[in-house]
């Protein structure tokens, strides 16, 4: 809810998925310019959502977030997020990450 409010303050249109399975379904049916997802969630994990995003929407930017940094994995493949946000983060940190990702850095 907090991330949603912070993104809406930026002027973003936010679409919320209740779990990873709903996120995957939305990625198959709707177009997005940015996906922000938690690594650990019910249904599909953030890593699984990332893979679906890369398949269904080439070019979509994906930010993963987690409080468990040991869950970070790096394969060097296309299944890498555009950014990783470590929890807890500040509103300023979220803004900076979104700005950077949308600029394509």
C-alpha atoms as a PDB file:
ATOM      1  CA  UNK A   1       0.000   0.000   0.000  1.00  0.00           C
ATOM      2  CA  UNK A   2       2.864   2.372   0.813  1.00  0.00           C
ATOM      3  CA  UNK A   3       4.648   1.747  -2.478  1.00  0.00           C
ATOM      4  CA  UNK A   4       1.366   2.250  -4.307  1.00  0.00           C
ATOM      5  CA  UNK A   5       0.808   5.642  -2.632  1.00  0.00           C
ATOM      6  CA  UNK A   6       4.377   6.736  -3.353  1.00  0.00           C
ATOM      7  CA  UNK A   7       4.055   5.801  -7.025  1.00  0.00           C
ATOM      8  CA  UNK A   8       0.670   7.494  -7.341  1.00  0.00           C
ATOM      9  CA  UNK A   9       2.208  10.657  -5.876  1.00  0.00           C
ATOM     10  CA  UNK A  10       4.630  10.540  -8.785  1.00  0.00           C
ATOM     11  CA  UNK A  11       1.633  10.531 -11.135  1.00  0.00           C
ATOM     12  CA  UNK A  12       1.857   6.836 -12.006  1.00  0.00           C
ATOM     13  CA  UNK A  13      -1.146   4.712 -12.794  1.00  0.00           C
ATOM     14  CA  UNK A  14      -0.718   1.752 -10.469  1.00  0.00           C
ATOM     15  CA  UNK A  15      -2.155  -1.703 -11.099  1.00  0.00           C
ATOM     16  CA  UNK A  16      -1.967  -3.953  -8.041  1.00  0.00           C
ATOM     17  CA  UNK A  17      -1.854  -7.742  -8.157  1.00  0.00           C
ATOM     18  CA  UNK A  18      -2.828  -9.677  -5.035  1.00  0.00           C
ATOM     19  CA  UNK A  19      -0.163 -12.337  -5.623  1.00  0.00           C
ATOM     20  CA  UNK A  20       2.344 -13.627  -8.135  1.00  0.00           C
ATOM     21  CA  UNK A  21      -0.221 -15.622 -10.074  1.00  0.00           C
ATOM     22  CA  UNK A  22      -2.401 -12.562 -10.601  1.00  0.00           C
ATOM     23  CA  UNK A  23       0.687 -10.574 -11.625  1.00  0.00           C
ATOM     24  CA  UNK A  24       1.501 -13.187 -14.270  1.00  0.00           C
ATOM     25  CA  UNK A  25      -2.084 -13.092 -15.585  1.00  0.00           C
ATOM     26  CA  UNK A  26      -2.032  -9.297 -15.795  1.00  0.00           C
ATOM     27  CA  UNK A  27       1.296  -9.392 -17.654  1.00  0.00           C
ATOM     28  CA  UNK A  28      -0.286 -11.669 -20.247  1.00  0.00           C
ATOM     29  CA  UNK A  29      -3.360  -9.426 -20.671  1.00  0.00           C
ATOM     30  CA  UNK A  30      -2.140  -5.845 -20.160  1.00  0.00           C
ATOM     31  CA  UNK A  31       0.840  -3.701 -21.183  1.00  0.00           C
ATOM     32  CA  UNK A  32       3.129  -2.060 -18.638  1.00  0.00           C
ATOM     33  CA  UNK A  33       6.170   0.202 -18.805  1.00  0.00           C
ATOM     34  CA  UNK A  34       7.376  -0.735 -15.320  1.00  0.00           C
ATOM     35  CA  UNK A  35       6.827  -3.732 -13.055  1.00  0.00           C
ATOM     36  CA  UNK A  36       7.740  -3.547  -9.372  1.00  0.00           C
ATOM     37  CA  UNK A  37       7.404  -6.818  -7.501  1.00  0.00           C
ATOM     38  CA  UNK A  38       8.485  -8.379  -4.262  1.00  0.00           C
ATOM     39  CA  UNK A  39      10.692 -11.443  -4.464  1.00  0.00           C
ATOM     40  CA  UNK A  40       8.695 -13.392  -1.870  1.00  0.00           C
ATOM     41  CA  UNK A  41       4.943 -13.512  -2.368  1.00  0.00           C
ATOM     42  CA  UNK A  42       2.175 -16.103  -2.569  1.00  0.00           C
ATOM     43  CA  UNK A  43       1.725 -17.917  -5.850  1.00  0.00           C
ATOM     44  CA  UNK A  44       4.535 -17.149  -8.266  1.00  0.00           C
ATOM     45  CA  UNK A  45       7.713 -15.606  -6.859  1.00  0.00           C
ATOM     46  CA  UNK A  46       9.098 -12.303  -8.036  1.00  0.00           C
ATOM     47  CA  UNK A  47      11.719 -14.192 -10.039  1.00  0.00           C
ATOM     48  CA  UNK A  48       8.954 -16.123 -11.829  1.00  0.00           C
ATOM     49  CA  UNK A  49       7.051 -12.895 -12.492  1.00  0.00           C
ATOM     50  CA  UNK A  50      10.271 -11.394 -13.879  1.00  0.00           C
ATOM     51  CA  UNK A  51      10.643 -14.316 -16.308  1.00  0.00           C
ATOM     52  CA  UNK A  52       7.036 -13.958 -17.494  1.00  0.00           C
ATOM     53  CA  UNK A  53       7.496 -10.196 -17.897  1.00  0.00           C
ATOM     54  CA  UNK A  54      10.580 -10.744 -20.089  1.00  0.00           C
ATOM     55  CA  UNK A  55       8.688 -13.256 -22.252  1.00  0.00           C
ATOM     56  CA  UNK A  56       5.358 -11.433 -22.585  1.00  0.00           C
ATOM     57  CA  UNK A  57       6.561  -7.832 -22.681  1.00  0.00           C
ATOM     58  CA  UNK A  58      10.036  -7.453 -24.164  1.00  0.00           C
ATOM     59  CA  UNK A  59      11.532  -4.163 -23.069  1.00  0.00           C
ATOM     60  CA  UNK A  60       9.444  -3.784 -19.918  1.00  0.00           C
ATOM     61  CA  UNK A  61      11.483  -2.516 -16.977  1.00  0.00           C
ATOM     62  CA  UNK A  62      11.383  -4.698 -13.857  1.00  0.00           C
ATOM     63  CA  UNK A  63      12.339  -3.812 -10.295  1.00  0.00           C
ATOM     64  CA  UNK A  64      12.524  -6.548  -7.683  1.00  0.00           C
ATOM     65  CA  UNK A  65      12.417  -5.736  -3.994  1.00  0.00           C
ATOM     66  CA  UNK A  66      13.137  -7.798  -0.920  1.00  0.00           C
ATOM     67  CA  UNK A  67      14.276  -7.609   2.653  1.00  0.00           C
ATOM     68  CA  UNK A  68      16.175 -10.842   2.159  1.00  0.00           C
ATOM     69  CA  UNK A  69      19.231  -9.924   0.132  1.00  0.00           C
ATOM     70  CA  UNK A  70      20.627 -13.454   0.364  1.00  0.00           C
ATOM     71  CA  UNK A  71      17.804 -14.389  -2.027  1.00  0.00           C
ATOM     72  CA  UNK A  72      19.461 -12.268  -4.697  1.00  0.00           C
ATOM     73  CA  UNK A  73      20.710 -14.327  -7.552  1.00  0.00           C
ATOM     74  CA  UNK A  74      22.615 -13.212 -10.571  1.00  0.00           C
ATOM     75  CA  UNK A  75      22.682 -15.351 -13.668  1.00  0.00           C
ATOM     76  CA  UNK A  76      23.838 -12.730 -16.124  1.00  0.00           C
ATOM     77  CA  UNK A  77      20.925 -13.721 -18.340  1.00  0.00           C
ATOM     78  CA  UNK A  78      17.861 -11.889 -19.529  1.00  0.00           C
ATOM     79  CA  UNK A  79      16.225 -12.906 -16.254  1.00  0.00           C
ATOM     80  CA  UNK A  80      17.956 -10.112 -14.380  1.00  0.00           C
ATOM     81  CA  UNK A  81      15.915  -7.249 -12.948  1.00  0.00           C
ATOM     82  CA  UNK A  82      16.674  -3.732 -14.104  1.00  0.00           C
ATOM     83  CA  UNK A  83      17.111  -2.837 -10.439  1.00  0.00           C
ATOM     84  CA  UNK A  84      16.897  -4.390  -7.002  1.00  0.00           C
ATOM     85  CA  UNK A  85      15.466  -2.450  -4.087  1.00  0.00           C
ATOM     86  CA  UNK A  86      16.553  -3.661  -0.679  1.00  0.00           C
ATOM     87  CA  UNK A  87      13.957  -3.283   2.073  1.00  0.00           C
ATOM     88  CA  UNK A  88      13.576  -1.200   4.025  1.00  0.00           C
ATOM     89  CA  UNK A  89      13.901   1.679   1.596  1.00  0.00           C
ATOM     90  CA  UNK A  90      12.892   5.307   1.720  1.00  0.00           C
ATOM     91  CA  UNK A  91      10.556   7.229  -0.557  1.00  0.00           C
ATOM     92  CA  UNK A  92      13.635   8.990  -1.922  1.00  0.00           C
ATOM     93  CA  UNK A  93      15.265   5.617  -2.616  1.00  0.00           C
ATOM     94  CA  UNK A  94      12.193   4.370  -4.467  1.00  0.00           C
ATOM     95  CA  UNK A  95      12.020   7.570  -6.517  1.00  0.00           C
ATOM     96  CA  UNK A  96      15.701   7.364  -7.426  1.00  0.00           C
ATOM     97  CA  UNK A  97      15.386   3.728  -8.469  1.00  0.00           C
ATOM     98  CA  UNK A  98      12.287   4.351 -10.591  1.00  0.00           C
ATOM     99  CA  UNK A  99      13.928   7.383 -12.238  1.00  0.00           C
ATOM    100  CA  UNK A 100      17.073   5.424 -13.021  1.00  0.00           C
ATOM    101  CA  UNK A 101      15.217   2.413 -14.404  1.00  0.00           C
ATOM    102  CA  UNK A 102      12.878   4.472 -16.570  1.00  0.00           C
ATOM    103  CA  UNK A 103      15.839   6.350 -18.011  1.00  0.00           C
ATOM    104  CA  UNK A 104      17.259   2.988 -19.071  1.00  0.00           C
ATOM    105  CA  UNK A 105      20.411   2.991 -16.986  1.00  0.00           C
END
